[in-house]
Amino acid sequence: CTCTNEPPTLSNSDDNNVTAIISSLVAVIVILAVVVFGMLCYRQSKKKDRFLPRDYERAAVAEVVAAEKP
């Protein structure tokens, strides 16, 4: 009985190991994807921040000029 029962438990443990490995790989891939996506978004936001202050300065100058005109 013990001999017939052992192989299924071994195969079950192998399946569990495979699922654990797959799940860990999926977790690593998801983390990497999130990191890459975050870096891309960070670069995009940096580019936007580079352009926005100039626009804000132009808008502020335009507001000052408009306020001084009348």
PDB file of N, CA and C in Angstrom:
ATOM      1  N   CYS A   1       0.838  -1.214   0.000  1.00  0.00           N
ATOM      2  CA  CYS A   1       0.000   0.000   0.000  1.00  0.00           C
ATOM      3  C   CYS A   1       0.864   1.251   0.000  1.00  0.00           C
ATOM      4  N   THR A   2       1.871   1.240   0.831  1.00  0.00           N
ATOM      5  CA  THR A   2       2.700   2.442   0.914  1.00  0.00           C
ATOM      6  C   THR A   2       3.385   2.711  -0.419  1.00  0.00           C
ATOM      7  N   CYS A   3       3.823   1.617  -1.089  1.00  0.00           N
ATOM      8  CA  CYS A   3       4.517   1.809  -2.361  1.00  0.00           C
ATOM      9  C   CYS A   3       3.569   2.368  -3.417  1.00  0.00           C
ATOM     10  N   THR A   4       2.325   1.904  -3.431  1.00  0.00           N
ATOM     11  CA  THR A   4       1.383   2.396  -4.434  1.00  0.00           C
ATOM     12  C   THR A   4       0.953   3.824  -4.113  1.00  0.00           C
ATOM     13  N   ASN A   5       0.964   4.205  -2.837  1.00  0.00           N
ATOM     14  CA  ASN A   5       0.513   5.550  -2.460  1.00  0.00           C
ATOM     15  C   ASN A   5       1.611   6.589  -2.652  1.00  0.00           C
ATOM     16  N   GLU A   6       2.878   6.189  -2.610  1.00  0.00           N
ATOM     17  CA  GLU A   6       3.952   7.179  -2.667  1.00  0.00           C
ATOM     18  C   GLU A   6       4.058   7.889  -4.023  1.00  0.00           C
ATOM     19  N   PRO A   7       4.005   7.170  -5.153  1.00  0.00           N
ATOM     20  CA  PRO A   7       4.178   7.878  -6.432  1.00  0.00           C
ATOM     21  C   PRO A   7       3.170   9.015  -6.645  1.00  0.00           C
ATOM     22  N   PRO A   8       1.860   8.834  -6.316  1.00  0.00           N
ATOM     23  CA  PRO A   8       0.952   9.961  -6.507  1.00  0.00           C
ATOM     24  C   PRO A   8       1.353  11.178  -5.674  1.00  0.00           C
ATOM     25  N   THR A   9       1.763  10.953  -4.413  1.00  0.00           N
ATOM     26  CA  THR A   9       2.172  12.086  -3.584  1.00  0.00           C
ATOM     27  C   THR A   9       3.400  12.756  -4.195  1.00  0.00           C
ATOM     28  N   LEU A  10       4.323  11.956  -4.743  1.00  0.00           N
ATOM     29  CA  LEU A  10       5.499  12.539  -5.388  1.00  0.00           C
ATOM     30  C   LEU A  10       5.068  13.378  -6.593  1.00  0.00           C
ATOM     31  N   SER A  11       4.176  12.827  -7.408  1.00  0.00           N
ATOM     32  CA  SER A  11       3.731  13.566  -8.582  1.00  0.00           C
ATOM     33  C   SER A  11       2.964  14.824  -8.143  1.00  0.00           C
ATOM     34  N   ASN A  12       2.186  14.704  -7.054  1.00  0.00           N
ATOM     35  CA  ASN A  12       1.468  15.882  -6.558  1.00  0.00           C
ATOM     36  C   ASN A  12       2.448  16.952  -6.096  1.00  0.00           C
ATOM     37  N   SER A  13       3.503  16.518  -5.390  1.00  0.00           N
ATOM     38  CA  SER A  13       4.482  17.498  -4.923  1.00  0.00           C
ATOM     39  C   SER A  13       5.195  18.113  -6.129  1.00  0.00           C
ATOM     40  N   ASP A  14       5.453  17.312  -7.161  1.00  0.00           N
ATOM     41  CA  ASP A  14       6.066  17.863  -8.371  1.00  0.00           C
ATOM     42  C   ASP A  14       5.137  18.897  -9.003  1.00  0.00           C
ATOM     43  N   ASP A  15       3.851  18.580  -9.064  1.00  0.00           N
ATOM     44  CA  ASP A  15       2.891  19.543  -9.620  1.00  0.00           C
ATOM     45  C   ASP A  15       2.878  20.815  -8.784  1.00  0.00           C
ATOM     46  N   ASN A  16       2.926  20.654  -7.474  1.00  0.00           N
ATOM     47  CA  ASN A  16       2.927  21.823  -6.609  1.00  0.00           C
ATOM     48  C   ASN A  16       4.186  22.662  -6.848  1.00  0.00           C
ATOM     49  N   ASN A  17       5.324  21.985  -7.037  1.00  0.00           N
ATOM     50  CA  ASN A  17       6.561  22.708  -7.310  1.00  0.00           C
ATOM     51  C   ASN A  17       6.449  23.458  -8.634  1.00  0.00           C
ATOM     52  N   VAL A  18       5.867  22.798  -9.638  1.00  0.00           N
ATOM     53  CA  VAL A  18       5.728  23.435 -10.950  1.00  0.00           C
ATOM     54  C   VAL A  18       4.819  24.657 -10.838  1.00  0.00           C
ATOM     55  N   THR A  19       3.698  24.494 -10.145  1.00  0.00           N
ATOM     56  CA  THR A  19       2.777  25.631  -9.999  1.00  0.00           C
ATOM     57  C   THR A  19       3.450  26.742  -9.208  1.00  0.00           C
ATOM     58  N   ALA A  20       4.235  26.403  -8.184  1.00  0.00           N
ATOM     59  CA  ALA A  20       4.935  27.425  -7.403  1.00  0.00           C
ATOM     60  C   ALA A  20       5.930  28.166  -8.287  1.00  0.00           C
ATOM     61  N   ILE A  21       6.663  27.399  -9.111  1.00  0.00           N
ATOM     62  CA  ILE A  21       7.641  28.029 -10.002  1.00  0.00           C
ATOM     63  C   ILE A  21       6.923  28.938 -10.998  1.00  0.00           C
ATOM     64  N   ILE A  22       5.817  28.456 -11.570  1.00  0.00           N
ATOM     65  CA  ILE A  22       5.081  29.262 -12.551  1.00  0.00           C
ATOM     66  C   ILE A  22       4.539  30.523 -11.894  1.00  0.00           C
ATOM     67  N   SER A  23       3.969  30.358 -10.698  1.00  0.00           N
ATOM     68  CA  SER A  23       3.399  31.522 -10.019  1.00  0.00           C
ATOM     69  C   SER A  23       4.490  32.531  -9.677  1.00  0.00           C
ATOM     70  N   SER A  24       5.664  32.045  -9.257  1.00  0.00           N
ATOM     71  CA  SER A  24       6.757  32.962  -8.940  1.00  0.00           C
ATOM     72  C   SER A  24       7.240  33.662 -10.209  1.00  0.00           C
ATOM     73  N   LEU A  25       7.303  32.927 -11.316  1.00  0.00           N
ATOM     74  CA  LEU A  25       7.697  33.551 -12.580  1.00  0.00           C
ATOM     75  C   LEU A  25       6.692  34.618 -12.993  1.00  0.00           C
ATOM     76  N   VAL A  26       5.410  34.292 -12.853  1.00  0.00           N
ATOM     77  CA  VAL A  26       4.378  35.272 -13.194  1.00  0.00           C
ATOM     78  C   VAL A  26       4.508  36.504 -12.311  1.00  0.00           C
ATOM     79  N   ALA A  27       4.767  36.277 -11.018  1.00  0.00           N
ATOM     80  CA  ALA A  27       4.925  37.406 -10.097  1.00  0.00           C
ATOM     81  C   ALA A  27       6.111  38.276 -10.520  1.00  0.00           C
ATOM     82  N   VAL A  28       7.218  37.631 -10.870  1.00  0.00           N
ATOM     83  CA  VAL A  28       8.411  38.388 -11.300  1.00  0.00           C
ATOM     84  C   VAL A  28       8.100  39.179 -12.565  1.00  0.00           C
ATOM     85  N   ILE A  29       7.414  38.549 -13.512  1.00  0.00           N
ATOM     86  CA  ILE A  29       7.085  39.235 -14.770  1.00  0.00           C
ATOM     87  C   ILE A  29       6.181  40.434 -14.494  1.00  0.00           C
ATOM     88  N   VAL A  30       5.190  40.225 -13.617  1.00  0.00           N
ATOM     89  CA  VAL A  30       4.275  41.327 -13.288  1.00  0.00           C
ATOM     90  C   VAL A  30       5.043  42.471 -12.633  1.00  0.00           C
ATOM     91  N   ILE A  31       5.939  42.134 -11.697  1.00  0.00           N
ATOM     92  CA  ILE A  31       6.717  43.178 -11.020  1.00  0.00           C
ATOM     93  C   ILE A  31       7.574  43.932 -12.030  1.00  0.00           C
ATOM     94  N   LEU A  32       8.232  43.183 -12.928  1.00  0.00           N
ATOM     95  CA  LEU A  32       9.064  43.838 -13.944  1.00  0.00           C
ATOM     96  C   LEU A  32       8.214  44.741 -14.828  1.00  0.00           C
ATOM     97  N   ALA A  33       7.034  44.260 -15.229  1.00  0.00           N
ATOM     98  CA  ALA A  33       6.160  45.060 -16.075  1.00  0.00           C
ATOM     99  C   ALA A  33       5.754  46.337 -15.355  1.00  0.00           C
ATOM    100  N   VAL A  34       5.423  46.210 -14.063  1.00  0.00           N
ATOM    101  CA  VAL A  34       5.021  47.393 -13.294  1.00  0.00           C
ATOM    102  C   VAL A  34       6.184  48.373 -13.198  1.00  0.00           C
ATOM    103  N   VAL A  35       7.395  47.851 -12.967  1.00  0.00           N
ATOM    104  CA  VAL A  35       8.567  48.730 -12.847  1.00  0.00           C
ATOM    105  C   VAL A  35       8.823  49.453 -14.171  1.00  0.00           C
ATOM    106  N   VAL A  36       8.784  48.711 -15.281  1.00  0.00           N
ATOM    107  CA  VAL A  36       9.025  49.329 -16.593  1.00  0.00           C
ATOM    108  C   VAL A  36       7.951  50.367 -16.882  1.00  0.00           C
ATOM    109  N   PHE A  37       6.686  50.000 -16.610  1.00  0.00           N
ATOM    110  CA  PHE A  37       5.587  50.939 -16.847  1.00  0.00           C
ATOM    111  C   PHE A  37       5.756  52.184 -15.989  1.00  0.00           C
ATOM    112  N   GLY A  38       6.145  51.986 -14.735  1.00  0.00           N
ATOM    113  CA  GLY A  38       6.363  53.130 -13.849  1.00  0.00           C
ATOM    114  C   GLY A  38       7.490  54.022 -14.347  1.00  0.00           C
ATOM    115  N   MET A  39       8.569  53.402 -14.829  1.00  0.00           N
ATOM    116  CA  MET A  39       9.679  54.204 -15.350  1.00  0.00           C
ATOM    117  C   MET A  39       9.240  54.992 -16.576  1.00  0.00           C
ATOM    118  N   LEU A  40       8.473  54.364 -17.466  1.00  0.00           N
ATOM    119  CA  LEU A  40       7.998  55.062 -18.656  1.00  0.00           C
ATOM    120  C   LEU A  40       7.099  56.223 -18.260  1.00  0.00           C
ATOM    121  N   CYS A  41       6.177  55.982 -17.338  1.00  0.00           N
ATOM    122  CA  CYS A  41       5.280  57.047 -16.881  1.00  0.00           C
ATOM    123  C   CYS A  41       6.086  58.159 -16.225  1.00  0.00           C
ATOM    124  N   TYR A  42       7.122  57.788 -15.449  1.00  0.00           N
ATOM    125  CA  TYR A  42       7.948  58.784 -14.773  1.00  0.00           C
ATOM    126  C   TYR A  42       8.671  59.645 -15.808  1.00  0.00           C
ATOM    127  N   ARG A  43       9.200  58.998 -16.851  1.00  0.00           N
ATOM    128  CA  ARG A  43       9.870  59.774 -17.899  1.00  0.00           C
ATOM    129  C   ARG A  43       8.877  60.685 -18.604  1.00  0.00           C
ATOM    130  N   GLN A  44       7.669  60.170 -18.893  1.00  0.00           N
ATOM    131  CA  GLN A  44       6.653  60.998 -19.540  1.00  0.00           C
ATOM    132  C   GLN A  44       6.312  62.191 -18.662  1.00  0.00           C
ATOM    133  N   SER A  45       6.128  61.960 -17.367  1.00  0.00           N
ATOM    134  CA  SER A  45       5.778  63.050 -16.460  1.00  0.00           C
ATOM    135  C   SER A  45       6.937  64.041 -16.373  1.00  0.00           C
ATOM    136  N   LYS A  46       8.174  63.533 -16.411  1.00  0.00           N
ATOM    137  CA  LYS A  46       9.328  64.441 -16.394  1.00  0.00           C
ATOM    138  C   LYS A  46       9.314  65.328 -17.638  1.00  0.00           C
ATOM    139  N   LYS A  47       9.054  64.711 -18.811  1.00  0.00           N
ATOM    140  CA  LYS A  47       9.002  65.493 -20.040  1.00  0.00           C
ATOM    141  C   LYS A  47       7.902  66.547 -19.947  1.00  0.00           C
ATOM    142  N   LYS A  48       6.719  66.147 -19.433  1.00  0.00           N
ATOM    143  CA  LYS A  48       5.622  67.095 -19.289  1.00  0.00           C
ATOM    144  C   LYS A  48       6.020  68.219 -18.345  1.00  0.00           C
ATOM    145  N   ASP A  49       6.686  67.860 -17.223  1.00  0.00           N
ATOM    146  CA  ASP A  49       7.090  68.880 -16.256  1.00  0.00           C
ATOM    147  C   ASP A  49       8.105  69.838 -16.883  1.00  0.00           C
ATOM    148  N   ARG A  50       8.913  69.337 -17.794  1.00  0.00           N
ATOM    149  CA  ARG A  50       9.873  70.222 -18.451  1.00  0.00           C
ATOM    150  C   ARG A  50       9.148  71.260 -19.299  1.00  0.00           C
ATOM    151  N   PHE A  51       8.086  70.834 -19.982  1.00  0.00           N
ATOM    152  CA  PHE A  51       7.384  71.763 -20.863  1.00  0.00           C
ATOM    153  C   PHE A  51       6.416  72.652 -20.091  1.00  0.00           C
ATOM    154  N   LEU A  52       5.799  72.107 -19.039  1.00  0.00           N
ATOM    155  CA  LEU A  52       4.746  72.852 -18.342  1.00  0.00           C
ATOM    156  C   LEU A  52       5.251  74.144 -17.699  1.00  0.00           C
ATOM    157  N   PRO A  53       6.397  74.149 -16.990  1.00  0.00           N
ATOM    158  CA  PRO A  53       6.811  75.418 -16.356  1.00  0.00           C
ATOM    159  C   PRO A  53       6.925  76.563 -17.342  1.00  0.00           C
ATOM    160  N   ARG A  54       7.405  76.287 -18.550  1.00  0.00           N
ATOM    161  CA  ARG A  54       7.493  77.357 -19.554  1.00  0.00           C
ATOM    162  C   ARG A  54       6.094  77.873 -19.880  1.00  0.00           C
ATOM    163  N   ASP A  55       5.153  76.947 -20.055  1.00  0.00           N
ATOM    164  CA  ASP A  55       3.785  77.369 -20.348  1.00  0.00           C
ATOM    165  C   ASP A  55       3.227  78.196 -19.197  1.00  0.00           C
ATOM    166  N   TYR A  56       3.495  77.735 -17.969  1.00  0.00           N
ATOM    167  CA  TYR A  56       3.020  78.490 -16.805  1.00  0.00           C
ATOM    168  C   TYR A  56       3.663  79.880 -16.778  1.00  0.00           C
ATOM    169  N   GLU A  57       4.966  79.942 -17.100  1.00  0.00           N
ATOM    170  CA  GLU A  57       5.640  81.236 -17.116  1.00  0.00           C
ATOM    171  C   GLU A  57       5.022  82.140 -18.180  1.00  0.00           C
ATOM    172  N   ARG A  58       4.768  81.585 -19.363  1.00  0.00           N
ATOM    173  CA  ARG A  58       4.145  82.383 -20.429  1.00  0.00           C
ATOM    174  C   ARG A  58       2.770  82.865 -19.995  1.00  0.00           C
ATOM    175  N   ALA A  59       1.996  81.962 -19.379  1.00  0.00           N
ATOM    176  CA  ALA A  59       0.660  82.342 -18.924  1.00  0.00           C
ATOM    177  C   ALA A  59       0.763  83.421 -17.857  1.00  0.00           C
ATOM    178  N   ALA A  60       1.715  83.288 -16.941  1.00  0.00           N
ATOM    179  CA  ALA A  60       1.877  84.285 -15.889  1.00  0.00           C
ATOM    180  C   ALA A  60       2.283  85.628 -16.491  1.00  0.00           C
ATOM    181  N   VAL A  61       3.216  85.600 -17.435  1.00  0.00           N
ATOM    182  CA  VAL A  61       3.643  86.842 -18.093  1.00  0.00           C
ATOM    183  C   VAL A  61       2.471  87.472 -18.831  1.00  0.00           C
ATOM    184  N   ALA A  62       1.698  86.635 -19.528  1.00  0.00           N
ATOM    185  CA  ALA A  62       0.549  87.157 -20.254  1.00  0.00           C
ATOM    186  C   ALA A  62      -0.455  87.770 -19.291  1.00  0.00           C
ATOM    187  N   GLU A  63      -0.669  87.119 -18.147  1.00  0.00           N
ATOM    188  CA  GLU A  63      -1.596  87.675 -17.165  1.00  0.00           C
ATOM    189  C   GLU A  63      -1.086  89.002 -16.631  1.00  0.00           C
ATOM    190  N   VAL A  64       0.227  89.097 -16.343  1.00  0.00           N
ATOM    191  CA  VAL A  64       0.799  90.348 -15.831  1.00  0.00           C
ATOM    192  C   VAL A  64       0.655  91.440 -16.875  1.00  0.00           C
ATOM    193  N   VAL A  65       0.970  91.099 -18.128  1.00  0.00           N
ATOM    194  CA  VAL A  65       0.867  92.107 -19.198  1.00  0.00           C
ATOM    195  C   VAL A  65      -0.579  92.555 -19.347  1.00  0.00           C
ATOM    196  N   ALA A  66      -1.505  91.597 -19.316  1.00  0.00           N
ATOM    197  CA  ALA A  66      -2.916  91.933 -19.454  1.00  0.00           C
ATOM    198  C   ALA A  66      -3.367  92.791 -18.273  1.00  0.00           C
ATOM    199  N   ALA A  67      -2.853  92.509 -17.097  1.00  0.00           N
ATOM    200  CA  ALA A  67      -3.232  93.295 -15.918  1.00  0.00           C
ATOM    201  C   ALA A  67      -2.652  94.698 -16.001  1.00  0.00           C
ATOM    202  N   GLU A  68      -1.460  94.841 -16.572  1.00  0.00           N
ATOM    203  CA  GLU A  68      -0.828  96.163 -16.649  1.00  0.00           C
ATOM    204  C   GLU A  68      -1.416  96.997 -17.781  1.00  0.00           C
ATOM    205  N   LYS A  69      -1.936  96.364 -18.833  1.00  0.00           N
ATOM    206  CA  LYS A  69      -2.408  97.118 -20.006  1.00  0.00           C
ATOM    207  C   LYS A  69      -3.528  98.095 -19.664  1.00  0.00           C
ATOM    208  N   PRO A  70      -4.607  97.677 -19.028  1.00  0.00           N
ATOM    209  CA  PRO A  70      -5.702  98.632 -18.814  1.00  0.00           C
ATOM    210  C   PRO A  70      -5.332  99.665 -17.753  1.00  0.00           C
TER     211      PRO A  70
END
